[in-house]
């Protein structure tokens, strides 16, 4: 691979997914795709695997954080509703209004 030739992220992903196929050797990928050397493939593989792992970790954290945020919002809204219900009952008693 020449110093000026850069692979796009899509090309890197394609190369990595091709390597996951059964029986495909790194030397075959390198010879099919003249733009990549074996050492470059290993860098792509490492980044892809660490990126996948990070994405899976963040997915759980984001879901947990979102769940916690929704619980707090639900509790806040529940408190508002209870407060308003108490206020309505108090106003009904003050005005002797039957429903």
PDB file of N, CA and C in Angstrom:
ATOM      1  N   UNK A   1       0.856  -1.167   0.000  1.00  0.00           N
ATOM      2  CA  UNK A   1       0.000   0.000   0.000  1.00  0.00           C
ATOM      3  C   UNK A   1       0.897   1.223   0.000  1.00  0.00           C
ATOM      4  N   UNK A   2       0.662   2.112  -0.892  1.00  0.00           N
ATOM      5  CA  UNK A   2       1.497   3.306  -0.955  1.00  0.00           C
ATOM      6  C   UNK A   2       1.133   4.248   0.183  1.00  0.00           C
ATOM      7  N   UNK A   3       2.032   5.140   0.498  1.00  0.00           N
ATOM      8  CA  UNK A   3       1.826   6.051   1.614  1.00  0.00           C
ATOM      9  C   UNK A   3       0.659   6.994   1.358  1.00  0.00           C
ATOM     10  N   UNK A   4       0.388   7.312   0.108  1.00  0.00           N
ATOM     11  CA  UNK A   4      -0.670   8.262  -0.205  1.00  0.00           C
ATOM     12  C   UNK A   4      -2.052   7.614  -0.256  1.00  0.00           C
ATOM     13  N   UNK A   5      -2.102   6.310  -0.485  1.00  0.00           N
ATOM     14  CA  UNK A   5      -3.386   5.632  -0.599  1.00  0.00           C
ATOM     15  C   UNK A   5      -3.954   5.387   0.794  1.00  0.00           C
ATOM     16  N   UNK A   6      -5.142   5.893   1.022  1.00  0.00           N
ATOM     17  CA  UNK A   6      -5.826   5.700   2.298  1.00  0.00           C
ATOM     18  C   UNK A   6      -7.097   4.908   2.034  1.00  0.00           C
ATOM     19  N   UNK A   7      -7.362   3.971   2.904  1.00  0.00           N
ATOM     20  CA  UNK A   7      -8.591   3.197   2.793  1.00  0.00           C
ATOM     21  C   UNK A   7      -9.696   3.916   3.549  1.00  0.00           C
ATOM     22  N   UNK A   8     -10.866   3.924   2.968  1.00  0.00           N
ATOM     23  CA  UNK A   8     -12.007   4.517   3.658  1.00  0.00           C
ATOM     24  C   UNK A   8     -12.476   3.542   4.740  1.00  0.00           C
ATOM     25  N   UNK A   9     -13.234   4.024   5.706  1.00  0.00           N
ATOM     26  CA  UNK A   9     -13.769   3.119   6.725  1.00  0.00           C
ATOM     27  C   UNK A   9     -14.601   1.979   6.117  1.00  0.00           C
ATOM     28  N   UNK A  10     -15.348   2.278   5.051  1.00  0.00           N
ATOM     29  CA  UNK A  10     -16.133   1.226   4.398  1.00  0.00           C
ATOM     30  C   UNK A  10     -15.233   0.147   3.813  1.00  0.00           C
ATOM     31  N   UNK A  11     -14.146   0.578   3.196  1.00  0.00           N
ATOM     32  CA  UNK A  11     -13.209  -0.387   2.614  1.00  0.00           C
ATOM     33  C   UNK A  11     -12.560  -1.236   3.706  1.00  0.00           C
ATOM     34  N   UNK A  12     -12.214  -0.605   4.807  1.00  0.00           N
ATOM     35  CA  UNK A  12     -11.619  -1.342   5.916  1.00  0.00           C
ATOM     36  C   UNK A  12     -12.604  -2.359   6.485  1.00  0.00           C
ATOM     37  N   UNK A  13     -13.854  -1.961   6.617  1.00  0.00           N
ATOM     38  CA  UNK A  13     -14.870  -2.883   7.120  1.00  0.00           C
ATOM     39  C   UNK A  13     -15.063  -4.050   6.154  1.00  0.00           C
ATOM     40  N   UNK A  14     -15.069  -3.760   4.869  1.00  0.00           N
ATOM     41  CA  UNK A  14     -15.222  -4.817   3.864  1.00  0.00           C
ATOM     42  C   UNK A  14     -14.072  -5.813   3.974  1.00  0.00           C
ATOM     43  N   UNK A  15     -12.869  -5.313   4.100  1.00  0.00           N
ATOM     44  CA  UNK A  15     -11.694  -6.181   4.222  1.00  0.00           C
ATOM     45  C   UNK A  15     -11.803  -7.039   5.481  1.00  0.00           C
ATOM     46  N   UNK A  16     -12.204  -6.424   6.575  1.00  0.00           N
ATOM     47  CA  UNK A  16     -12.327  -7.169   7.830  1.00  0.00           C
ATOM     48  C   UNK A  16     -13.403  -8.244   7.723  1.00  0.00           C
ATOM     49  N   UNK A  17     -14.556  -7.915   7.161  1.00  0.00           N
ATOM     50  CA  UNK A  17     -15.629  -8.912   7.049  1.00  0.00           C
ATOM     51  C   UNK A  17     -15.250 -10.037   6.092  1.00  0.00           C
ATOM     52  N   UNK A  18     -14.497  -9.730   5.050  1.00  0.00           N
ATOM     53  CA  UNK A  18     -14.015 -10.786   4.151  1.00  0.00           C
ATOM     54  C   UNK A  18     -13.120 -11.755   4.903  1.00  0.00           C
ATOM     55  N   UNK A  19     -12.347 -11.241   5.834  1.00  0.00           N
ATOM     56  CA  UNK A  19     -11.422 -12.099   6.579  1.00  0.00           C
ATOM     57  C   UNK A  19     -12.153 -13.033   7.530  1.00  0.00           C
ATOM     58  N   UNK A  20     -13.390 -12.715   7.866  1.00  0.00           N
ATOM     59  CA  UNK A  20     -14.153 -13.552   8.786  1.00  0.00           C
ATOM     60  C   UNK A  20     -14.729 -14.793   8.113  1.00  0.00           C
ATOM     61  N   UNK A  21     -14.753 -14.806   6.798  1.00  0.00           N
ATOM     62  CA  UNK A  21     -15.278 -15.958   6.072  1.00  0.00           C
ATOM     63  C   UNK A  21     -14.400 -17.177   6.332  1.00  0.00           C
ATOM     64  N   UNK A  22     -15.036 -18.341   6.384  1.00  0.00           N
ATOM     65  CA  UNK A  22     -14.298 -19.583   6.644  1.00  0.00           C
ATOM     66  C   UNK A  22     -13.241 -19.842   5.581  1.00  0.00           C
ATOM     67  N   UNK A  23     -12.085 -20.202   6.024  1.00  0.00           N
ATOM     68  CA  UNK A  23     -11.028 -20.619   5.121  1.00  0.00           C
ATOM     69  C   UNK A  23     -10.282 -19.509   4.416  1.00  0.00           C
ATOM     70  N   UNK A  24     -10.590 -18.265   4.701  1.00  0.00           N
ATOM     71  CA  UNK A  24      -9.900 -17.153   4.042  1.00  0.00           C
ATOM     72  C   UNK A  24      -8.638 -16.833   4.832  1.00  0.00           C
ATOM     73  N   UNK A  25      -7.524 -16.803   4.145  1.00  0.00           N
ATOM     74  CA  UNK A  25      -6.245 -16.490   4.782  1.00  0.00           C
ATOM     75  C   UNK A  25      -5.898 -15.026   4.534  1.00  0.00           C
ATOM     76  N   UNK A  26      -5.132 -14.490   5.442  1.00  0.00           N
ATOM     77  CA  UNK A  26      -4.729 -13.086   5.338  1.00  0.00           C
ATOM     78  C   UNK A  26      -3.952 -12.854   4.052  1.00  0.00           C
ATOM     79  N   UNK A  27      -3.117 -13.804   3.677  1.00  0.00           N
ATOM     80  CA  UNK A  27      -2.340 -13.649   2.443  1.00  0.00           C
ATOM     81  C   UNK A  27      -3.258 -13.582   1.224  1.00  0.00           C
ATOM     82  N   UNK A  28      -4.400 -14.292   1.276  1.00  0.00           N
ATOM     83  CA  UNK A  28      -5.356 -14.235   0.167  1.00  0.00           C
ATOM     84  C   UNK A  28      -6.002 -12.855   0.085  1.00  0.00           C
ATOM     85  N   UNK A  29      -6.333 -12.306   1.228  1.00  0.00           N
ATOM     86  CA  UNK A  29      -6.943 -10.974   1.249  1.00  0.00           C
ATOM     87  C   UNK A  29      -5.945  -9.955   0.715  1.00  0.00           C
ATOM     88  N   UNK A  30      -4.714 -10.075   1.144  1.00  0.00           N
ATOM     89  CA  UNK A  30      -3.681  -9.139   0.692  1.00  0.00           C
ATOM     90  C   UNK A  30      -3.450  -9.240  -0.803  1.00  0.00           C
ATOM     91  N   UNK A  31      -3.500 -10.466  -1.351  1.00  0.00           N
ATOM     92  CA  UNK A  31      -3.258 -10.602  -2.788  1.00  0.00           C
ATOM     93  C   UNK A  31      -4.475 -10.173  -3.603  1.00  0.00           C
ATOM     94  N   UNK A  32      -5.686 -10.362  -3.061  1.00  0.00           N
ATOM     95  CA  UNK A  32      -6.893  -9.938  -3.773  1.00  0.00           C
ATOM     96  C   UNK A  32      -7.015  -8.422  -3.775  1.00  0.00           C
ATOM     97  N   UNK A  33      -6.670  -7.840  -2.684  1.00  0.00           N
ATOM     98  CA  UNK A  33      -6.779  -6.394  -2.539  1.00  0.00           C
ATOM     99  C   UNK A  33      -5.362  -5.835  -2.477  1.00  0.00           C
ATOM    100  N   UNK A  34      -4.874  -5.360  -3.583  1.00  0.00           N
ATOM    101  CA  UNK A  34      -3.486  -4.922  -3.678  1.00  0.00           C
ATOM    102  C   UNK A  34      -3.182  -3.720  -2.791  1.00  0.00           C
ATOM    103  N   UNK A  35      -4.217  -3.091  -2.263  1.00  0.00           N
ATOM    104  CA  UNK A  35      -4.003  -1.886  -1.464  1.00  0.00           C
ATOM    105  C   UNK A  35      -3.602  -2.185  -0.026  1.00  0.00           C
ATOM    106  N   UNK A  36      -3.700  -3.419   0.405  1.00  0.00           N
ATOM    107  CA  UNK A  36      -3.480  -3.691   1.823  1.00  0.00           C
ATOM    108  C   UNK A  36      -2.356  -4.708   2.037  1.00  0.00           C
ATOM    109  N   UNK A  37      -1.568  -4.448   3.047  1.00  0.00           N
ATOM    110  CA  UNK A  37      -0.502  -5.348   3.461  1.00  0.00           C
ATOM    111  C   UNK A  37      -0.985  -6.098   4.700  1.00  0.00           C
ATOM    112  N   UNK A  38      -0.426  -7.249   4.984  1.00  0.00           N
ATOM    113  CA  UNK A  38      -0.863  -8.016   6.159  1.00  0.00           C
ATOM    114  C   UNK A  38      -0.791  -7.227   7.469  1.00  0.00           C
ATOM    115  N   UNK A  39       0.273  -6.448   7.669  1.00  0.00           N
ATOM    116  CA  UNK A  39       0.362  -5.681   8.918  1.00  0.00           C
ATOM    117  C   UNK A  39      -0.753  -4.638   9.014  1.00  0.00           C
ATOM    118  N   UNK A  40      -1.145  -4.080   7.878  1.00  0.00           N
ATOM    119  CA  UNK A  40      -2.263  -3.127   7.871  1.00  0.00           C
ATOM    120  C   UNK A  40      -3.561  -3.850   8.212  1.00  0.00           C
ATOM    121  N   UNK A  41      -3.707  -5.065   7.694  1.00  0.00           N
ATOM    122  CA  UNK A  41      -4.901  -5.857   8.015  1.00  0.00           C
ATOM    123  C   UNK A  41      -5.003  -6.070   9.525  1.00  0.00           C
ATOM    124  N   UNK A  42      -3.901  -6.411  10.169  1.00  0.00           N
ATOM    125  CA  UNK A  42      -3.935  -6.673  11.610  1.00  0.00           C
ATOM    126  C   UNK A  42      -4.304  -5.414  12.398  1.00  0.00           C
ATOM    127  N   UNK A  43      -3.884  -4.262  11.920  1.00  0.00           N
ATOM    128  CA  UNK A  43      -4.295  -3.007  12.566  1.00  0.00           C
ATOM    129  C   UNK A  43      -5.795  -2.785  12.398  1.00  0.00           C
ATOM    130  N   UNK A  44      -6.296  -3.058  11.192  1.00  0.00           N
ATOM    131  CA  UNK A  44      -7.736  -2.917  10.935  1.00  0.00           C
ATOM    132  C   UNK A  44      -8.514  -3.868  11.835  1.00  0.00           C
ATOM    133  N   UNK A  45      -8.049  -5.099  11.920  1.00  0.00           N
ATOM    134  CA  UNK A  45      -8.724  -6.109  12.742  1.00  0.00           C
ATOM    135  C   UNK A  45      -8.765  -5.670  14.201  1.00  0.00           C
ATOM    136  N   UNK A  46      -7.648  -5.205  14.721  1.00  0.00           N
ATOM    137  CA  UNK A  46      -7.577  -4.770  16.115  1.00  0.00           C
ATOM    138  C   UNK A  46      -8.543  -3.617  16.384  1.00  0.00           C
ATOM    139  N   UNK A  47      -8.570  -2.650  15.480  1.00  0.00           N
ATOM    140  CA  UNK A  47      -9.479  -1.510  15.645  1.00  0.00           C
ATOM    141  C   UNK A  47     -10.934  -1.951  15.561  1.00  0.00           C
ATOM    142  N   UNK A  48     -11.227  -2.851  14.630  1.00  0.00           N
ATOM    143  CA  UNK A  48     -12.607  -3.320  14.459  1.00  0.00           C
ATOM    144  C   UNK A  48     -13.080  -4.060  15.701  1.00  0.00           C
ATOM    145  N   UNK A  49     -12.246  -4.924  16.226  1.00  0.00           N
ATOM    146  CA  UNK A  49     -12.633  -5.690  17.407  1.00  0.00           C
ATOM    147  C   UNK A  49     -12.747  -4.806  18.642  1.00  0.00           C
ATOM    148  N   UNK A  50     -11.809  -3.892  18.829  1.00  0.00           N
ATOM    149  CA  UNK A  50     -11.895  -3.013  19.998  1.00  0.00           C
ATOM    150  C   UNK A  50     -13.071  -2.051  19.856  1.00  0.00           C
ATOM    151  N   UNK A  51     -13.332  -1.608  18.632  1.00  0.00           N
ATOM    152  CA  UNK A  51     -14.486  -0.736  18.402  1.00  0.00           C
ATOM    153  C   UNK A  51     -15.796  -1.455  18.652  1.00  0.00           C
ATOM    154  N   UNK A  52     -15.869  -2.712  18.243  1.00  0.00           N
ATOM    155  CA  UNK A  52     -17.081  -3.498  18.479  1.00  0.00           C
ATOM    156  C   UNK A  52     -17.287  -3.710  19.971  1.00  0.00           C
ATOM    157  N   UNK A  53     -16.224  -4.027  20.668  1.00  0.00           N
ATOM    158  CA  UNK A  53     -16.311  -4.230  22.108  1.00  0.00           C
ATOM    159  C   UNK A  53     -16.755  -2.947  22.803  1.00  0.00           C
ATOM    160  N   UNK A  54     -16.187  -1.842  22.417  1.00  0.00           N
ATOM    161  CA  UNK A  54     -16.556  -0.549  23.013  1.00  0.00           C
ATOM    162  C   UNK A  54     -18.013  -0.211  22.722  1.00  0.00           C
ATOM    163  N   UNK A  55     -18.448  -0.482  21.511  1.00  0.00           N
ATOM    164  CA  UNK A  55     -19.838  -0.209  21.142  1.00  0.00           C
ATOM    165  C   UNK A  55     -20.792  -1.047  21.982  1.00  0.00           C
ATOM    166  N   UNK A  56     -20.437  -2.284  22.225  1.00  0.00           N
ATOM    167  CA  UNK A  56     -21.283  -3.146  23.047  1.00  0.00           C
ATOM    168  C   UNK A  56     -21.300  -2.691  24.498  1.00  0.00           C
ATOM    169  N   UNK A  57     -20.178  -2.246  25.002  1.00  0.00           N
ATOM    170  CA  UNK A  57     -20.128  -1.732  26.371  1.00  0.00           C
ATOM    171  C   UNK A  57     -20.962  -0.466  26.487  1.00  0.00           C
ATOM    172  N   UNK A  58     -20.759   0.468  25.577  1.00  0.00           N
ATOM    173  CA  UNK A  58     -21.478   1.736  25.622  1.00  0.00           C
ATOM    174  C   UNK A  58     -22.967   1.540  25.453  1.00  0.00           C
ATOM    175  N   UNK A  59     -23.353   0.561  24.680  1.00  0.00           N
ATOM    176  CA  UNK A  59     -24.764   0.298  24.462  1.00  0.00           C
ATOM    177  C   UNK A  59     -25.456   0.030  25.790  1.00  0.00           C
ATOM    178  N   UNK A  60     -24.851  -0.799  26.612  1.00  0.00           N
ATOM    179  CA  UNK A  60     -25.444  -1.127  27.907  1.00  0.00           C
ATOM    180  C   UNK A  60     -25.451   0.098  28.817  1.00  0.00           C
ATOM    181  N   UNK A  61     -24.348   0.845  28.846  1.00  0.00           N
ATOM    182  CA  UNK A  61     -24.283   2.032  29.698  1.00  0.00           C
ATOM    183  C   UNK A  61     -25.313   3.064  29.275  1.00  0.00           C
ATOM    184  N   UNK A  62     -25.458   3.248  27.975  1.00  0.00           N
ATOM    185  CA  UNK A  62     -26.425   4.224  27.489  1.00  0.00           C
ATOM    186  C   UNK A  62     -27.837   3.803  27.857  1.00  0.00           C
ATOM    187  N   UNK A  63     -28.124   2.516  27.723  1.00  0.00           N
ATOM    188  CA  UNK A  63     -29.454   2.026  28.072  1.00  0.00           C
ATOM    189  C   UNK A  63     -29.709   2.190  29.557  1.00  0.00           C
ATOM    190  N   UNK A  64     -28.715   1.869  30.394  1.00  0.00           N
ATOM    191  CA  UNK A  64     -28.868   2.017  31.834  1.00  0.00           C
ATOM    192  C   UNK A  64     -29.054   3.482  32.213  1.00  0.00           C
ATOM    193  N   UNK A  65     -28.293   4.359  31.606  1.00  0.00           N
ATOM    194  CA  UNK A  65     -28.418   5.788  31.891  1.00  0.00           C
ATOM    195  C   UNK A  65     -29.781   6.303  31.445  1.00  0.00           C
ATOM    196  N   UNK A  66     -30.236   5.856  30.286  1.00  0.00           N
ATOM    197  CA  UNK A  66     -31.549   6.274  29.783  1.00  0.00           C
ATOM    198  C   UNK A  66     -32.653   5.741  30.692  1.00  0.00           C
ATOM    199  N   UNK A  67     -32.515   4.519  31.142  1.00  0.00           N
ATOM    200  CA  UNK A  67     -33.509   3.928  32.037  1.00  0.00           C
ATOM    201  C   UNK A  67     -33.577   4.716  33.344  1.00  0.00           C
ATOM    202  N   UNK A  68     -32.426   5.062  33.887  1.00  0.00           N
ATOM    203  CA  UNK A  68     -32.373   5.834  35.125  1.00  0.00           C
ATOM    204  C   UNK A  68     -32.987   7.221  34.933  1.00  0.00           C
ATOM    205  N   UNK A  69     -32.697   7.852  33.805  1.00  0.00           N
ATOM    206  CA  UNK A  69     -33.270   9.165  33.519  1.00  0.00           C
ATOM    207  C   UNK A  69     -34.793   9.080  33.433  1.00  0.00           C
ATOM    208  N   UNK A  70     -35.298   8.039  32.789  1.00  0.00           N
ATOM    209  CA  UNK A  70     -36.745   7.870  32.659  1.00  0.00           C
ATOM    210  C   UNK A  70     -37.400   7.586  34.011  1.00  0.00           C
ATOM    211  N   UNK A  71     -36.727   6.836  34.872  1.00  0.00           N
ATOM    212  CA  UNK A  71     -37.268   6.585  36.212  1.00  0.00           C
ATOM    213  C   UNK A  71     -37.400   7.891  36.995  1.00  0.00           C
ATOM    214  N   UNK A  72     -36.356   8.726  36.921  1.00  0.00           N
ATOM    215  CA  UNK A  72     -36.393  10.011  37.628  1.00  0.00           C
ATOM    216  C   UNK A  72     -37.502  10.904  37.084  1.00  0.00           C
ATOM    217  N   UNK A  73     -37.645  10.930  35.764  1.00  0.00           N
ATOM    218  CA  UNK A  73     -38.688  11.746  35.141  1.00  0.00           C
ATOM    219  C   UNK A  73     -40.075  11.243  35.532  1.00  0.00           C
ATOM    220  N   UNK A  74     -40.253   9.936  35.572  1.00  0.00           N
ATOM    221  CA  UNK A  74     -41.533   9.352  35.975  1.00  0.00           C
ATOM    222  C   UNK A  74     -41.860   9.727  37.414  1.00  0.00           C
ATOM    223  N   UNK A  75     -40.876   9.628  38.292  1.00  0.00           N
ATOM    224  CA  UNK A  75     -41.086   9.980  39.694  1.00  0.00           C
ATOM    225  C   UNK A  75     -41.423  11.469  39.840  1.00  0.00           C
ATOM    226  N   UNK A  76     -40.742  12.316  39.086  1.00  0.00           N
ATOM    227  CA  UNK A  76     -41.016  13.754  39.137  1.00  0.00           C
ATOM    228  C   UNK A  76     -42.443  14.048  38.689  1.00  0.00           C
ATOM    229  N   UNK A  77     -42.860  13.420  37.601  1.00  0.00           N
ATOM    230  CA  UNK A  77     -44.217  13.643  37.096  1.00  0.00           C
ATOM    231  C   UNK A  77     -45.267  13.080  38.051  1.00  0.00           C
ATOM    232  N   UNK A  78     -44.965  11.943  38.661  1.00  0.00           N
ATOM    233  CA  UNK A  78     -45.883  11.353  39.638  1.00  0.00           C
ATOM    234  C   UNK A  78     -46.077  12.307  40.818  1.00  0.00           C
ATOM    235  N   UNK A  79     -45.001  12.924  41.280  1.00  0.00           N
ATOM    236  CA  UNK A  79     -45.091  13.874  42.392  1.00  0.00           C
ATOM    237  C   UNK A  79     -45.921  15.097  42.009  1.00  0.00           C
ATOM    238  N   UNK A  80     -45.772  15.558  40.782  1.00  0.00           N
ATOM    239  CA  UNK A  80     -46.572  16.695  40.313  1.00  0.00           C
ATOM    240  C   UNK A  80     -48.049  16.328  40.308  1.00  0.00           C
ATOM    241  N   UNK A  81     -48.369  15.154  39.812  1.00  0.00           N
ATOM    242  CA  UNK A  81     -49.771  14.712  39.748  1.00  0.00           C
ATOM    243  C   UNK A  81     -50.354  14.590  41.150  1.00  0.00           C
ATOM    244  N   UNK A  82     -49.605  14.009  42.080  1.00  0.00           N
ATOM    245  CA  UNK A  82     -50.092  13.881  43.454  1.00  0.00           C
ATOM    246  C   UNK A  82     -50.316  15.250  44.087  1.00  0.00           C
ATOM    247  N   UNK A  83     -49.402  16.164  43.848  1.00  0.00           N
ATOM    248  CA  UNK A  83     -49.530  17.513  44.388  1.00  0.00           C
ATOM    249  C   UNK A  83     -50.774  18.203  43.834  1.00  0.00           C
ATOM    250  N   UNK A  84     -50.986  18.069  42.536  1.00  0.00           N
ATOM    251  CA  UNK A  84     -52.156  18.690  41.911  1.00  0.00           C
ATOM    252  C   UNK A  84     -53.451  18.041  42.396  1.00  0.00           C
ATOM    253  N   UNK A  85     -53.445  16.737  42.594  1.00  0.00           N
ATOM    254  CA  UNK A  85     -54.638  16.047  43.085  1.00  0.00           C
ATOM    255  C   UNK A  85     -54.985  16.525  44.495  1.00  0.00           C
ATOM    256  N   UNK A  86     -53.970  16.686  45.342  1.00  0.00           N
ATOM    257  CA  UNK A  86     -54.201  17.198  46.694  1.00  0.00           C
ATOM    258  C   UNK A  86     -54.754  18.618  46.645  1.00  0.00           C
ATOM    259  N   UNK A  87     -54.204  19.432  45.769  1.00  0.00           N
ATOM    260  CA  UNK A  87     -54.664  20.815  45.637  1.00  0.00           C
ATOM    261  C   UNK A  87     -56.110  20.859  45.148  1.00  0.00           C
ATOM    262  N   UNK A  88     -56.457  20.012  44.207  1.00  0.00           N
ATOM    263  CA  UNK A  88     -57.834  19.954  43.694  1.00  0.00           C
ATOM    264  C   UNK A  88     -58.783  19.541  44.805  1.00  0.00           C
ATOM    265  N   UNK A  89     -58.414  18.522  45.597  1.00  0.00           N
ATOM    266  CA  UNK A  89     -59.264  18.091  46.713  1.00  0.00           C
ATOM    267  C   UNK A  89     -59.456  19.217  47.721  1.00  0.00           C
ATOM    268  N   UNK A  90     -58.389  19.938  48.019  1.00  0.00           N
ATOM    269  CA  UNK A  90     -58.472  21.054  48.961  1.00  0.00           C
ATOM    270  C   UNK A  90     -59.405  22.140  48.430  1.00  0.00           C
ATOM    271  N   UNK A  91     -59.289  22.471  47.147  1.00  0.00           N
ATOM    272  CA  UNK A  91     -60.153  23.493  46.548  1.00  0.00           C
ATOM    273  C   UNK A  91     -61.610  23.041  46.531  1.00  0.00           C
ATOM    274  N   UNK A  92     -61.848  21.772  46.306  1.00  0.00           N
ATOM    275  CA  UNK A  92     -63.218  21.251  46.326  1.00  0.00           C
ATOM    276  C   UNK A  92     -63.827  21.403  47.712  1.00  0.00           C
ATOM    277  N   UNK A  93     -63.040  21.123  48.747  1.00  0.00           N
ATOM    278  CA  UNK A  93     -63.532  21.245  50.115  1.00  0.00           C
ATOM    279  C   UNK A  93     -63.812  22.702  50.471  1.00  0.00           C
ATOM    280  N   UNK A  94     -62.951  23.613  50.012  1.00  0.00           N
ATOM    281  CA  UNK A  94     -63.128  25.035  50.304  1.00  0.00           C
ATOM    282  C   UNK A  94     -64.384  25.585  49.640  1.00  0.00           C
ATOM    283  N   UNK A  95     -64.704  25.110  48.465  1.00  0.00           N
ATOM    284  CA  UNK A  95     -65.846  25.642  47.720  1.00  0.00           C
ATOM    285  C   UNK A  95     -67.101  24.808  47.909  1.00  0.00           C
ATOM    286  N   UNK A  96     -67.029  23.735  48.718  1.00  0.00           N
ATOM    287  CA  UNK A  96     -68.152  22.823  48.935  1.00  0.00           C
ATOM    288  C   UNK A  96     -68.714  22.312  47.622  1.00  0.00           C
ATOM    289  N   UNK A  97     -67.855  21.990  46.708  1.00  0.00           N
ATOM    290  CA  UNK A  97     -68.274  21.530  45.382  1.00  0.00           C
ATOM    291  C   UNK A  97     -68.348  20.018  45.376  1.00  0.00           C
ATOM    292  N   UNK A  98     -69.514  19.485  45.062  1.00  0.00           N
ATOM    293  CA  UNK A  98     -69.684  18.032  44.951  1.00  0.00           C
ATOM    294  C   UNK A  98     -69.591  17.645  43.498  1.00  0.00           C
ATOM    295  N   UNK A  99     -69.044  16.522  43.259  1.00  0.00           N
ATOM    296  CA  UNK A  99     -68.939  16.052  41.887  1.00  0.00           C
ATOM    297  C   UNK A  99     -69.709  14.804  41.683  1.00  0.00           C
TER     298      UNK A  99
END
